[in-house]
């Protein structure tokens, strides 16, 4: 459940909070939105708040459901097996209301950072960043969008 935190007290929305994902072997890294999987019996709304706290140290308040993105593709899993993957992302806009920025320890990310919006397009980043920004720009009334064209890594 990715969150799109773009505001905190004193910010005029010109930065985006990103987390740097690290492959299990440490060989690959790319930027992504704070967020992650939903635990068993956890509400997605609660999951995004928990994930932002785990990956960034911040307390987030969900402001808006931006939308749902659903897509399928064939990928190679970590063990080299080719699998059909169905990705379902629920995107929220969140505001930072407390906490202090710090990197995650012992998780899937190793750095959290506010990135100026003008620099985001130049980063090696996950597709979820582009999807989240597109949903943020359009905020479709039904929460549904046709698949968004990917211009970045098709990683999550």
C-alpha atoms as a PDB file:
ATOM      1  CA  UNK A   1       0.000   0.000   0.000  1.00  0.00           C
ATOM      2  CA  UNK A   2       2.039   2.977  -1.147  1.00  0.00           C
ATOM      3  CA  UNK A   3       1.664   6.362   0.479  1.00  0.00           C
ATOM      4  CA  UNK A   4       2.399   9.587  -1.315  1.00  0.00           C
ATOM      5  CA  UNK A   5       3.593  11.935   1.440  1.00  0.00           C
ATOM      6  CA  UNK A   6       4.091  15.339  -0.098  1.00  0.00           C
ATOM      7  CA  UNK A   7       3.455  17.590   2.845  1.00  0.00           C
ATOM      8  CA  UNK A   8       4.620  18.296   6.350  1.00  0.00           C
ATOM      9  CA  UNK A   9       4.416  21.468   8.413  1.00  0.00           C
ATOM     10  CA  UNK A  10       6.322  24.162   6.527  1.00  0.00           C
ATOM     11  CA  UNK A  11       6.524  22.306   3.181  1.00  0.00           C
ATOM     12  CA  UNK A  12       4.718  23.797   0.211  1.00  0.00           C
ATOM     13  CA  UNK A  13       4.460  20.438  -1.582  1.00  0.00           C
ATOM     14  CA  UNK A  14       7.606  20.807  -3.691  1.00  0.00           C
ATOM     15  CA  UNK A  15       9.192  17.621  -2.283  1.00  0.00           C
ATOM     16  CA  UNK A  16       8.228  13.961  -2.213  1.00  0.00           C
ATOM     17  CA  UNK A  17       9.185  11.530   0.531  1.00  0.00           C
ATOM     18  CA  UNK A  18      10.823   8.437  -0.954  1.00  0.00           C
ATOM     19  CA  UNK A  19      12.426   5.326   0.493  1.00  0.00           C
ATOM     20  CA  UNK A  20      15.337   3.502  -1.128  1.00  0.00           C
ATOM     21  CA  UNK A  21      14.555  -0.190  -1.694  1.00  0.00           C
ATOM     22  CA  UNK A  22      17.435  -2.662  -1.419  1.00  0.00           C
ATOM     23  CA  UNK A  23      17.507  -6.146  -2.970  1.00  0.00           C
ATOM     24  CA  UNK A  24      17.921  -8.986  -0.462  1.00  0.00           C
ATOM     25  CA  UNK A  25      21.511  -9.512  -1.653  1.00  0.00           C
ATOM     26  CA  UNK A  26      22.215  -5.756  -1.475  1.00  0.00           C
ATOM     27  CA  UNK A  27      23.261  -5.604  -5.137  1.00  0.00           C
ATOM     28  CA  UNK A  28      20.400  -3.436  -6.431  1.00  0.00           C
ATOM     29  CA  UNK A  29      18.740  -0.286  -5.104  1.00  0.00           C
ATOM     30  CA  UNK A  30      16.044   2.045  -6.378  1.00  0.00           C
ATOM     31  CA  UNK A  31      13.704   4.682  -4.980  1.00  0.00           C
ATOM     32  CA  UNK A  32      10.086   3.905  -4.166  1.00  0.00           C
ATOM     33  CA  UNK A  33       7.173   5.321  -2.235  1.00  0.00           C
ATOM     34  CA  UNK A  34       6.950   4.424   1.444  1.00  0.00           C
ATOM     35  CA  UNK A  35       4.563   1.508   1.796  1.00  0.00           C
ATOM     36  CA  UNK A  36       4.417  -2.222   1.577  1.00  0.00           C
ATOM     37  CA  UNK A  37       2.412  -5.321   2.184  1.00  0.00           C
ATOM     38  CA  UNK A  38      -0.698  -5.712   4.267  1.00  0.00           C
ATOM     39  CA  UNK A  39      -0.349  -8.110   7.160  1.00  0.00           C
ATOM     40  CA  UNK A  40      -2.974 -10.783   7.783  1.00  0.00           C
ATOM     41  CA  UNK A  41      -6.243  -9.185   9.018  1.00  0.00           C
ATOM     42  CA  UNK A  42      -4.766  -5.669   8.726  1.00  0.00           C
ATOM     43  CA  UNK A  43      -6.787  -2.898   7.118  1.00  0.00           C
ATOM     44  CA  UNK A  44      -4.922  -1.291   4.154  1.00  0.00           C
ATOM     45  CA  UNK A  45      -5.527   2.142   5.731  1.00  0.00           C
ATOM     46  CA  UNK A  46      -3.690   1.035   8.874  1.00  0.00           C
ATOM     47  CA  UNK A  47      -1.013  -0.755   6.837  1.00  0.00           C
ATOM     48  CA  UNK A  48       0.077   2.406   5.049  1.00  0.00           C
ATOM     49  CA  UNK A  49       0.425   4.333   8.320  1.00  0.00           C
ATOM     50  CA  UNK A  50       2.474   1.472   9.814  1.00  0.00           C
ATOM     51  CA  UNK A  51       4.662   1.154   6.707  1.00  0.00           C
ATOM     52  CA  UNK A  52       5.434   4.886   6.572  1.00  0.00           C
ATOM     53  CA  UNK A  53       6.486   4.747  10.232  1.00  0.00           C
ATOM     54  CA  UNK A  54       8.649   1.650   9.694  1.00  0.00           C
ATOM     55  CA  UNK A  55      10.396   2.973   6.583  1.00  0.00           C
ATOM     56  CA  UNK A  56      10.786   6.660   7.456  1.00  0.00           C
ATOM     57  CA  UNK A  57      10.316   7.225  11.200  1.00  0.00           C
ATOM     58  CA  UNK A  58       7.410   9.575  10.516  1.00  0.00           C
ATOM     59  CA  UNK A  59       3.862   9.441  11.799  1.00  0.00           C
ATOM     60  CA  UNK A  60       1.569   9.852   8.801  1.00  0.00           C
ATOM     61  CA  UNK A  61      -2.062  10.856   8.619  1.00  0.00           C
ATOM     62  CA  UNK A  62      -3.952   9.580   5.580  1.00  0.00           C
ATOM     63  CA  UNK A  63      -5.714  12.438   3.815  1.00  0.00           C
ATOM     64  CA  UNK A  64      -7.193  10.783   0.741  1.00  0.00           C
ATOM     65  CA  UNK A  65      -7.530   7.530  -1.139  1.00  0.00           C
ATOM     66  CA  UNK A  66      -5.928   8.396  -4.475  1.00  0.00           C
ATOM     67  CA  UNK A  67      -6.880   5.212  -6.246  1.00  0.00           C
ATOM     68  CA  UNK A  68      -6.250   1.570  -6.958  1.00  0.00           C
ATOM     69  CA  UNK A  69      -3.863   0.271  -9.597  1.00  0.00           C
ATOM     70  CA  UNK A  70      -4.190  -3.304 -10.816  1.00  0.00           C
ATOM     71  CA  UNK A  71      -1.874  -4.906 -13.357  1.00  0.00           C
ATOM     72  CA  UNK A  72      -0.425  -8.271 -14.258  1.00  0.00           C
ATOM     73  CA  UNK A  73       2.891  -9.273 -15.752  1.00  0.00           C
ATOM     74  CA  UNK A  74       5.302 -12.152 -15.944  1.00  0.00           C
ATOM     75  CA  UNK A  75       8.404 -11.754 -13.784  1.00  0.00           C
ATOM     76  CA  UNK A  76      11.384 -13.726 -12.623  1.00  0.00           C
ATOM     77  CA  UNK A  77      11.205 -14.458  -8.903  1.00  0.00           C
ATOM     78  CA  UNK A  78      14.190 -14.250  -6.556  1.00  0.00           C
ATOM     79  CA  UNK A  79      14.807 -17.982  -6.981  1.00  0.00           C
ATOM     80  CA  UNK A  80      14.913 -17.659 -10.796  1.00  0.00           C
ATOM     81  CA  UNK A  81      11.452 -19.134 -11.429  1.00  0.00           C
ATOM     82  CA  UNK A  82       9.185 -17.304 -13.929  1.00  0.00           C
ATOM     83  CA  UNK A  83       5.808 -16.487 -12.384  1.00  0.00           C
ATOM     84  CA  UNK A  84       2.651 -14.601 -13.363  1.00  0.00           C
ATOM     85  CA  UNK A  85       2.331 -11.711 -10.919  1.00  0.00           C
ATOM     86  CA  UNK A  86      -0.843  -9.765 -10.165  1.00  0.00           C
ATOM     87  CA  UNK A  87       0.017  -6.458  -8.539  1.00  0.00           C
ATOM     88  CA  UNK A  88      -2.688  -4.582  -6.684  1.00  0.00           C
ATOM     89  CA  UNK A  89      -1.669  -1.221  -5.287  1.00  0.00           C
ATOM     90  CA  UNK A  90      -3.857   0.986  -3.120  1.00  0.00           C
ATOM     91  CA  UNK A  91      -2.464   4.518  -3.163  1.00  0.00           C
ATOM     92  CA  UNK A  92      -3.071   7.095  -0.446  1.00  0.00           C
ATOM     93  CA  UNK A  93      -2.052  10.719  -0.045  1.00  0.00           C
ATOM     94  CA  UNK A  94      -0.663  11.240   3.434  1.00  0.00           C
ATOM     95  CA  UNK A  95       0.526  14.172   5.496  1.00  0.00           C
ATOM     96  CA  UNK A  96       3.385  13.916   7.976  1.00  0.00           C
ATOM     97  CA  UNK A  97       2.174  14.876  11.450  1.00  0.00           C
ATOM     98  CA  UNK A  98       5.023  13.768  13.705  1.00  0.00           C
ATOM     99  CA  UNK A  99       8.159  11.740  14.190  1.00  0.00           C
ATOM    100  CA  UNK A 100      11.675  12.266  12.881  1.00  0.00           C
ATOM    101  CA  UNK A 101      13.155  11.204   9.570  1.00  0.00           C
ATOM    102  CA  UNK A 102      15.389   8.151   9.913  1.00  0.00           C
ATOM    103  CA  UNK A 103      16.276   5.111   7.802  1.00  0.00           C
ATOM    104  CA  UNK A 104      14.587   1.746   8.305  1.00  0.00           C
ATOM    105  CA  UNK A 105      16.686  -0.886  10.058  1.00  0.00           C
ATOM    106  CA  UNK A 106      16.409  -4.547   9.197  1.00  0.00           C
ATOM    107  CA  UNK A 107      13.809  -4.050   6.480  1.00  0.00           C
ATOM    108  CA  UNK A 108      13.575  -3.727   2.714  1.00  0.00           C
ATOM    109  CA  UNK A 109      14.731  -0.086   2.564  1.00  0.00           C
ATOM    110  CA  UNK A 110      17.923   1.556   3.783  1.00  0.00           C
ATOM    111  CA  UNK A 111      17.270   5.274   3.360  1.00  0.00           C
ATOM    112  CA  UNK A 112      14.348   7.710   3.470  1.00  0.00           C
ATOM    113  CA  UNK A 113      14.693  11.166   1.981  1.00  0.00           C
ATOM    114  CA  UNK A 114      12.677  14.185   0.854  1.00  0.00           C
ATOM    115  CA  UNK A 115      13.381  14.609  -2.872  1.00  0.00           C
ATOM    116  CA  UNK A 116      12.567  17.831  -4.764  1.00  0.00           C
ATOM    117  CA  UNK A 117       9.765  17.102  -7.267  1.00  0.00           C
ATOM    118  CA  UNK A 118      11.934  18.428 -10.105  1.00  0.00           C
ATOM    119  CA  UNK A 119      14.503  15.675  -9.402  1.00  0.00           C
ATOM    120  CA  UNK A 120      12.134  12.698  -9.074  1.00  0.00           C
ATOM    121  CA  UNK A 121      12.014  11.998 -12.833  1.00  0.00           C
ATOM    122  CA  UNK A 122      15.821  11.707 -12.938  1.00  0.00           C
ATOM    123  CA  UNK A 123      16.011   8.997 -10.265  1.00  0.00           C
ATOM    124  CA  UNK A 124      16.248   5.258 -10.739  1.00  0.00           C
ATOM    125  CA  UNK A 125      12.817   4.541  -9.301  1.00  0.00           C
ATOM    126  CA  UNK A 126      10.049   2.004  -9.027  1.00  0.00           C
ATOM    127  CA  UNK A 127       6.974   2.207 -11.215  1.00  0.00           C
ATOM    128  CA  UNK A 128       4.901   2.845  -8.089  1.00  0.00           C
ATOM    129  CA  UNK A 129       6.393   6.353  -7.869  1.00  0.00           C
ATOM    130  CA  UNK A 130       5.054   7.244 -11.324  1.00  0.00           C
ATOM    131  CA  UNK A 131       1.704   5.596 -10.633  1.00  0.00           C
ATOM    132  CA  UNK A 132       1.345   7.464  -7.337  1.00  0.00           C
ATOM    133  CA  UNK A 133       2.245  10.817  -8.890  1.00  0.00           C
ATOM    134  CA  UNK A 134      -0.202  10.278 -11.753  1.00  0.00           C
ATOM    135  CA  UNK A 135      -2.994   9.400  -9.325  1.00  0.00           C
ATOM    136  CA  UNK A 136      -2.048  12.440  -7.226  1.00  0.00           C
ATOM    137  CA  UNK A 137      -2.317  14.704 -10.292  1.00  0.00           C
ATOM    138  CA  UNK A 138      -5.636  13.292 -11.519  1.00  0.00           C
ATOM    139  CA  UNK A 139      -7.321  11.888  -8.392  1.00  0.00           C
ATOM    140  CA  UNK A 140      -9.986  10.007 -10.380  1.00  0.00           C
ATOM    141  CA  UNK A 141     -13.437  10.308  -8.738  1.00  0.00           C
ATOM    142  CA  UNK A 142     -14.008   6.546  -8.832  1.00  0.00           C
ATOM    143  CA  UNK A 143     -10.456   5.784  -7.677  1.00  0.00           C
ATOM    144  CA  UNK A 144      -9.928   3.700 -10.824  1.00  0.00           C
ATOM    145  CA  UNK A 145      -7.558   4.495 -13.669  1.00  0.00           C
ATOM    146  CA  UNK A 146      -6.665   2.610 -16.762  1.00  0.00           C
ATOM    147  CA  UNK A 147      -3.107   1.273 -16.479  1.00  0.00           C
ATOM    148  CA  UNK A 148      -0.625   4.122 -16.335  1.00  0.00           C
ATOM    149  CA  UNK A 149       2.204   4.053 -18.881  1.00  0.00           C
ATOM    150  CA  UNK A 150       5.442   3.194 -17.149  1.00  0.00           C
ATOM    151  CA  UNK A 151       8.514   5.345 -17.739  1.00  0.00           C
ATOM    152  CA  UNK A 152      10.520   3.953 -14.867  1.00  0.00           C
ATOM    153  CA  UNK A 153      11.545   0.581 -13.495  1.00  0.00           C
ATOM    154  CA  UNK A 154       8.871  -2.075 -13.426  1.00  0.00           C
ATOM    155  CA  UNK A 155       9.907  -3.057  -9.935  1.00  0.00           C
ATOM    156  CA  UNK A 156       8.052  -2.660  -6.704  1.00  0.00           C
END
